[in-house]
Amino acid sequence: MRAVLFWFKASRPEFFTASVVPVAVGAAAAYHNSGQMLWGYLLLTLLALVLLHAAANLANDYYDHLSGNDEVNVEYVSPFTGGSRLIQQGRVAPRAILLASLICLFIGSLMGLYLVWMRGWPILVLGAVGGLSGFFYTARPLQLGYRGIGELFIGLDFGILPVLGAYYVQLQEFSVAALAASLPVAFLIMAVLWINQFQDFTADKAVDKRHWVVRLGRHRASYVYAGMIICAYVSLLASIAMGWLPQLAILPVIMLPLAVFAVRTAFAHYNNPSQLTPANAATIALHLLAGLLLAAGLVVDWFVAASLI
């Protein structure tokens, strides 16, 4: 049990909300369309995505160690930035981290293949793109996070793809509603990654990890961060206005005060890693709560519509 808890901590479970939220939204969108939930498939979808997420986190630790990124990072703020620090603390060998990553990738892929067999080949495409791009976010030779495209893949891997995937597993089809529901989730998880890169700025720049916070600088990057949160709400409101999402999907608007707090904190402390921490925490909470409220709105709207029939 002690070993299980150690490796669970090593996989950075505090970020697994990035996997839980899109699956919940995708399944809720399917429920809104059908009024039924295949709970076994939902659980398997969630477990597969969490394992692929854990594989990506562990690979990130290993390859950021190889590049020297985590070793030179002295401005990190745990648990939001700087990796798990287990390698740097001498608590585990780097190769053990890589092996654990590959094991998670293998088991998660097996679960995904079972879903492909039972529910259809489109899941294979979604899972392959998501799993491989997540692993190669920092892994060589692609190192997507070093090339200025990592942010887009995070929005894809923890927003659009898993929402569509969870929806397809339930109904074996895609819909405009599922795609519309995935957009605010994608923008908010991109904002989580974006704000967490502020504390890593100096270390990332030193090892030529040229994501967009490094390219723009913290000051200009703070405006892009605000833009991502604005885009999350604009995409949500536009989808409701266009009729792609029901009116009760507006529930995430309740979290606007938290969004404003996060943005104001980013503007005030973009160059002060320790005082920026409330923005890191608020962005993660915003992604989690807004996503769950969106899922709840979709489910509640089905019950309201059913009661009126």
Protein backbone atom coordinates (compact mmCIF):
# COMPACT_ATOMS: atom_id res chain seq x y z
CA MET A 1 0.00 0.00 0.00
CA ARG A 2 2.87 2.35 0.78
CA ALA A 3 4.34 1.74 -2.68
CA VAL A 4 0.95 2.30 -4.33
CA LEU A 5 0.54 5.61 -2.50
CA PHE A 6 4.08 6.65 -3.45
CA TRP A 7 3.50 6.10 -7.16
CA PHE A 8 0.05 7.64 -6.95
CA LYS A 9 1.67 10.79 -5.56
CA ALA A 10 4.41 10.61 -8.19
CA SER A 11 1.76 10.77 -10.93
CA ARG A 12 0.57 14.15 -9.55
CA PRO A 13 -3.09 13.27 -8.89
CA GLU A 14 -3.90 16.89 -7.99
CA PHE A 15 -4.06 17.51 -11.75
CA PHE A 16 -6.37 14.58 -12.55
CA THR A 17 -9.27 17.03 -12.52
CA ALA A 18 -8.07 17.78 -16.06
CA SER A 19 -9.19 14.24 -16.98
CA VAL A 20 -12.31 14.04 -14.83
CA VAL A 21 -13.93 17.26 -16.12
CA PRO A 22 -13.98 16.53 -19.88
CA VAL A 23 -15.24 12.98 -19.35
CA ALA A 24 -18.01 14.31 -17.10
CA VAL A 25 -18.97 16.96 -19.67
CA GLY A 26 -18.94 14.49 -22.56
CA ALA A 27 -21.03 11.94 -20.67
CA ALA A 28 -23.45 14.66 -19.53
CA ALA A 29 -23.85 15.86 -23.13
CA ALA A 30 -24.68 12.30 -24.14
CA TYR A 31 -27.16 11.99 -21.28
CA HIS A 32 -28.80 15.25 -22.35
CA ASN A 33 -29.27 13.78 -25.81
CA SER A 34 -30.46 10.32 -24.80
CA GLY A 35 -31.60 10.28 -21.17
CA GLN A 36 -29.45 7.24 -20.39
CA MET A 37 -25.97 6.56 -19.03
CA LEU A 38 -23.79 3.49 -19.61
CA TRP A 39 -22.05 3.62 -16.24
CA GLY A 40 -19.59 0.80 -16.88
CA TYR A 41 -18.31 2.40 -20.04
CA LEU A 42 -18.17 5.79 -18.30
CA LEU A 43 -15.97 4.37 -15.53
CA LEU A 44 -13.70 2.62 -18.02
CA THR A 45 -13.38 5.81 -20.08
CA LEU A 46 -12.42 7.75 -16.97
CA LEU A 47 -9.87 5.17 -15.80
CA ALA A 48 -8.26 4.97 -19.24
CA LEU A 49 -7.91 8.74 -19.50
CA VAL A 50 -6.53 9.07 -15.96
CA LEU A 51 -3.91 6.41 -16.68
CA LEU A 52 -2.88 8.16 -19.91
CA HIS A 53 -2.75 11.41 -17.96
CA ALA A 54 -0.54 9.78 -15.32
CA ALA A 55 1.73 8.47 -18.08
CA ALA A 56 2.08 11.99 -19.46
CA ASN A 57 2.85 13.47 -16.03
CA LEU A 58 5.49 10.84 -15.28
CA ALA A 59 7.06 11.22 -18.73
CA ASN A 60 7.11 14.97 -18.15
CA ASP A 61 9.10 14.45 -14.92
CA TYR A 62 11.58 12.14 -16.63
CA TYR A 63 12.25 14.24 -19.71
CA ASP A 64 12.33 17.55 -17.82
CA HIS A 65 14.99 15.89 -15.67
CA LEU A 66 16.98 14.86 -18.75
CA SER A 67 16.88 18.40 -20.13
CA GLY A 68 17.93 19.80 -16.75
CA ASN A 69 14.71 21.82 -16.58
CA ASP A 70 13.54 20.74 -13.13
CA GLU A 71 17.08 20.88 -11.72
CA VAL A 72 17.51 24.59 -12.54
CA ASN A 73 13.96 25.50 -11.53
CA VAL A 74 14.16 27.42 -8.25
CA GLU A 75 11.00 29.51 -8.70
CA TYR A 76 8.58 26.59 -8.82
CA VAL A 77 5.60 26.63 -6.47
CA SER A 78 4.50 23.16 -5.38
CA PRO A 79 2.19 21.50 -6.26
CA PHE A 80 1.38 23.65 -9.27
CA THR A 81 4.73 23.86 -11.04
CA GLY A 82 8.16 22.23 -11.18
CA GLY A 83 7.05 18.60 -11.44
CA SER A 84 6.77 16.09 -8.60
CA ARG A 85 10.40 16.82 -7.50
CA LEU A 86 10.86 13.13 -6.57
CA ILE A 87 13.88 12.74 -8.85
CA GLN A 88 15.42 15.98 -7.58
CA GLN A 89 14.89 14.84 -3.97
CA GLY A 90 16.66 11.54 -4.70
CA ARG A 91 13.58 9.53 -3.74
CA VAL A 92 13.33 7.58 -7.00
CA ALA A 93 15.60 6.73 -9.92
CA PRO A 94 14.80 8.52 -13.19
CA ARG A 95 14.46 5.23 -15.09
CA ALA A 96 11.87 4.06 -12.56
CA ILE A 97 9.79 7.15 -13.37
CA LEU A 98 10.05 6.37 -17.09
CA LEU A 99 9.09 2.73 -16.51
CA ALA A 100 6.08 3.78 -14.44
CA SER A 101 5.05 6.11 -17.27
CA LEU A 102 5.25 3.33 -19.84
CA ILE A 103 3.26 0.96 -17.59
CA CYS A 104 0.48 3.55 -17.21
CA LEU A 105 0.54 4.18 -20.96
CA PHE A 106 0.29 0.43 -21.65
CA ILE A 107 -2.59 -0.24 -19.24
CA GLY A 108 -4.48 2.87 -20.31
CA SER A 109 -4.04 1.88 -23.95
CA LEU A 110 -5.37 -1.63 -23.25
CA MET A 111 -8.49 -0.12 -21.71
CA GLY A 112 -8.82 2.15 -24.70
CA LEU A 113 -8.51 -0.77 -27.11
CA TYR A 114 -11.28 -2.58 -25.25
CA LEU A 115 -13.48 0.49 -25.73
CA VAL A 116 -12.53 0.52 -29.42
CA TRP A 117 -13.56 -3.13 -29.72
CA MET A 118 -16.86 -2.62 -27.90
CA ARG A 119 -17.88 0.87 -29.09
CA GLY A 120 -16.15 1.61 -32.40
CA TRP A 121 -12.97 2.61 -34.26
CA PRO A 122 -13.32 6.42 -33.87
CA ILE A 123 -12.19 5.97 -30.27
CA LEU A 124 -8.91 4.57 -31.59
CA VAL A 125 -8.23 7.79 -33.51
CA LEU A 126 -9.10 10.04 -30.55
CA GLY A 127 -7.13 7.90 -28.10
CA ALA A 128 -4.06 7.56 -30.29
CA VAL A 129 -3.80 11.30 -30.88
CA GLY A 130 -4.41 12.11 -27.22
CA GLY A 131 -2.20 9.41 -25.71
CA LEU A 132 0.80 9.93 -27.97
CA SER A 133 0.73 13.73 -27.92
CA GLY A 134 0.37 13.66 -24.12
CA PHE A 135 3.40 11.38 -23.76
CA PHE A 136 5.45 13.35 -26.26
CA TYR A 137 4.57 16.69 -24.68
CA THR A 138 8.10 16.66 -23.23
CA ALA A 139 9.37 13.28 -24.48
CA ARG A 140 11.87 13.18 -27.33
CA PRO A 141 11.90 13.48 -30.27
CA LEU A 142 8.72 15.58 -30.57
CA GLN A 143 8.89 17.63 -27.33
CA LEU A 144 5.69 19.46 -28.19
CA GLY A 145 5.89 21.63 -25.09
CA TYR A 146 9.27 22.96 -26.20
CA ARG A 147 8.08 24.09 -29.64
CA GLY A 148 5.27 26.53 -28.92
CA ILE A 149 2.45 24.09 -29.75
CA GLY A 150 2.10 22.35 -26.42
CA GLU A 151 -0.69 24.68 -25.30
CA LEU A 152 -2.81 23.74 -28.31
CA PHE A 153 -2.29 20.02 -27.70
CA ILE A 154 -3.25 20.41 -24.03
CA GLY A 155 -6.53 22.03 -25.14
CA LEU A 156 -7.02 19.19 -27.58
CA ASP A 157 -5.98 16.34 -25.27
CA PHE A 158 -7.84 17.51 -22.14
CA GLY A 159 -10.68 19.37 -23.81
CA ILE A 160 -11.98 18.54 -27.26
CA LEU A 161 -10.83 14.92 -27.65
CA PRO A 162 -11.96 13.49 -24.28
CA VAL A 163 -15.33 15.29 -24.41
CA LEU A 164 -15.98 13.88 -27.88
CA GLY A 165 -14.59 10.51 -26.82
CA ALA A 166 -16.77 10.22 -23.71
CA TYR A 167 -19.78 11.25 -25.79
CA TYR A 168 -19.02 8.68 -28.48
CA VAL A 169 -18.49 5.87 -25.97
CA GLN A 170 -22.02 6.51 -24.68
CA LEU A 171 -23.90 6.99 -27.98
CA GLN A 172 -21.55 5.77 -30.74
CA GLU A 173 -21.91 9.05 -32.61
CA PHE A 174 -20.66 12.62 -32.52
CA SER A 175 -22.66 15.83 -32.26
CA VAL A 176 -22.30 19.59 -32.59
CA ALA A 177 -23.47 19.88 -28.97
CA ALA A 178 -20.56 17.74 -27.73
CA LEU A 179 -18.08 19.80 -29.73
CA ALA A 180 -19.60 23.03 -28.42
CA ALA A 181 -19.43 21.74 -24.83
CA SER A 182 -15.77 20.85 -25.29
CA LEU A 183 -14.65 24.39 -26.17
CA PRO A 184 -14.93 26.08 -22.75
CA VAL A 185 -13.29 23.03 -21.18
CA ALA A 186 -10.42 23.29 -23.67
CA PHE A 187 -9.89 27.01 -23.10
CA LEU A 188 -9.91 26.64 -19.32
CA ILE A 189 -7.41 23.76 -19.24
CA MET A 190 -5.16 25.77 -21.56
CA ALA A 191 -5.42 28.61 -19.03
CA VAL A 192 -4.37 26.22 -16.26
CA LEU A 193 -1.24 25.22 -18.17
CA TRP A 194 -0.57 28.82 -19.21
CA ILE A 195 -0.63 30.34 -15.71
CA ASN A 196 1.41 27.44 -14.29
CA GLN A 197 4.17 28.24 -16.79
CA PHE A 198 4.76 31.66 -15.20
CA GLN A 199 6.69 30.18 -12.26
CA ASP A 200 8.62 27.92 -14.64
CA PHE A 201 9.54 30.85 -16.92
CA THR A 202 13.18 31.28 -15.88
CA ALA A 203 14.00 27.56 -15.86
CA ASP A 204 12.17 26.89 -19.12
CA LYS A 205 13.98 29.76 -20.83
CA ALA A 206 17.32 28.43 -19.59
CA VAL A 207 16.80 25.03 -21.25
CA ASP A 208 15.24 26.50 -24.41
CA LYS A 209 11.73 25.26 -23.61
CA ARG A 210 10.11 27.84 -25.85
CA HIS A 211 6.44 27.74 -24.97
CA TRP A 212 4.49 30.95 -25.48
CA VAL A 213 4.94 32.35 -21.99
CA VAL A 214 8.70 32.26 -22.63
CA ARG A 215 8.27 33.72 -26.12
CA LEU A 216 5.99 36.56 -25.04
CA GLY A 217 7.36 37.29 -21.58
CA ARG A 218 5.26 37.22 -18.42
CA HIS A 219 3.69 40.65 -18.87
CA ARG A 220 2.25 40.09 -22.34
CA ALA A 221 1.47 36.47 -21.50
CA SER A 222 -0.82 37.66 -18.68
CA TYR A 223 -3.08 39.28 -21.29
CA VAL A 224 -3.23 36.04 -23.28
CA TYR A 225 -4.16 34.23 -20.06
CA ALA A 226 -7.07 36.64 -19.57
CA GLY A 227 -8.02 36.10 -23.21
CA MET A 228 -8.24 32.34 -22.72
CA ILE A 229 -10.66 32.69 -19.83
CA ILE A 230 -12.73 35.22 -21.81
CA CYS A 231 -12.79 32.81 -24.77
CA ALA A 232 -14.08 30.03 -22.49
CA TYR A 233 -17.10 32.11 -21.53
CA VAL A 234 -17.63 33.61 -24.99
CA SER A 235 -17.62 30.14 -26.59
CA LEU A 236 -20.11 28.95 -23.97
CA LEU A 237 -22.49 31.89 -24.41
CA ALA A 238 -22.21 31.74 -28.21
CA SER A 239 -23.08 28.03 -28.20
CA ILE A 240 -26.15 28.70 -26.07
CA ALA A 241 -27.18 31.60 -28.32
CA MET A 242 -26.80 29.40 -31.40
CA GLY A 243 -28.93 26.67 -29.83
CA TRP A 244 -26.11 24.13 -29.75
CA LEU A 245 -26.29 23.97 -25.95
CA PRO A 246 -29.37 24.33 -23.72
CA GLN A 247 -29.98 27.42 -21.61
CA LEU A 248 -29.07 25.67 -18.36
CA ALA A 249 -25.55 25.23 -19.74
CA ILE A 250 -25.09 28.82 -18.58
CA LEU A 251 -24.49 27.61 -14.99
CA PRO A 252 -20.68 28.11 -15.23
CA VAL A 253 -21.36 31.87 -15.26
CA ILE A 254 -21.75 31.48 -11.49
CA MET A 255 -17.96 31.13 -11.34
CA LEU A 256 -17.27 34.50 -13.00
CA PRO A 257 -16.14 36.14 -9.71
CA LEU A 258 -13.48 33.45 -9.37
CA ALA A 259 -12.40 34.06 -12.96
CA VAL A 260 -12.11 37.81 -12.30
CA PHE A 261 -10.07 37.14 -9.16
CA ALA A 262 -7.68 34.87 -11.06
CA VAL A 263 -7.16 37.40 -13.85
CA ARG A 264 -6.66 40.32 -11.46
CA THR A 265 -4.12 38.31 -9.49
CA ALA A 266 -2.26 37.43 -12.70
CA PHE A 267 -2.12 41.08 -13.76
CA ALA A 268 -0.94 42.20 -10.32
CA HIS A 269 1.69 39.50 -9.66
CA TYR A 270 2.73 38.10 -13.06
CA ASN A 271 6.39 38.72 -12.20
CA ASN A 272 6.24 37.45 -8.61
CA PRO A 273 6.10 33.62 -8.55
CA SER A 274 5.17 33.22 -4.88
CA GLN A 275 2.39 35.82 -4.88
CA LEU A 276 0.99 34.43 -8.13
CA THR A 277 0.03 31.17 -6.39
CA PRO A 278 -3.60 32.19 -5.73
CA ALA A 279 -4.05 32.60 -9.49
CA ASN A 280 -2.71 29.07 -10.06
CA ALA A 281 -5.12 27.63 -7.52
CA ALA A 282 -8.05 29.74 -8.71
CA THR A 283 -7.57 28.68 -12.34
CA ILE A 284 -7.58 25.00 -11.43
CA ALA A 285 -10.69 25.53 -9.28
CA LEU A 286 -12.36 27.50 -12.08
CA HIS A 287 -11.72 24.71 -14.59
CA LEU A 288 -13.05 22.08 -12.18
CA LEU A 289 -16.12 23.94 -10.93
CA ALA A 290 -17.12 25.50 -14.25
CA GLY A 291 -16.76 22.12 -15.96
CA LEU A 292 -18.86 20.32 -13.36
CA LEU A 293 -21.49 23.06 -13.48
CA LEU A 294 -21.64 22.70 -17.26
CA ALA A 295 -22.12 18.94 -16.88
CA ALA A 296 -24.77 19.50 -14.20
CA GLY A 297 -26.59 22.01 -16.41
CA LEU A 298 -26.78 19.51 -19.25
CA VAL A 299 -28.14 16.75 -17.02
CA VAL A 300 -30.63 18.98 -15.19
CA ASP A 301 -31.90 20.37 -18.50
CA TRP A 302 -32.82 16.82 -19.61
CA PHE A 303 -34.83 16.30 -16.42
CA VAL A 304 -36.58 19.66 -16.83
CA ALA A 305 -37.44 18.86 -20.46
CA ALA A 306 -38.61 15.36 -19.52
CA SER A 307 -40.89 16.71 -16.79
CA LEU A 308 -42.55 19.06 -19.26
CA ILE A 309 -43.37 16.36 -21.79
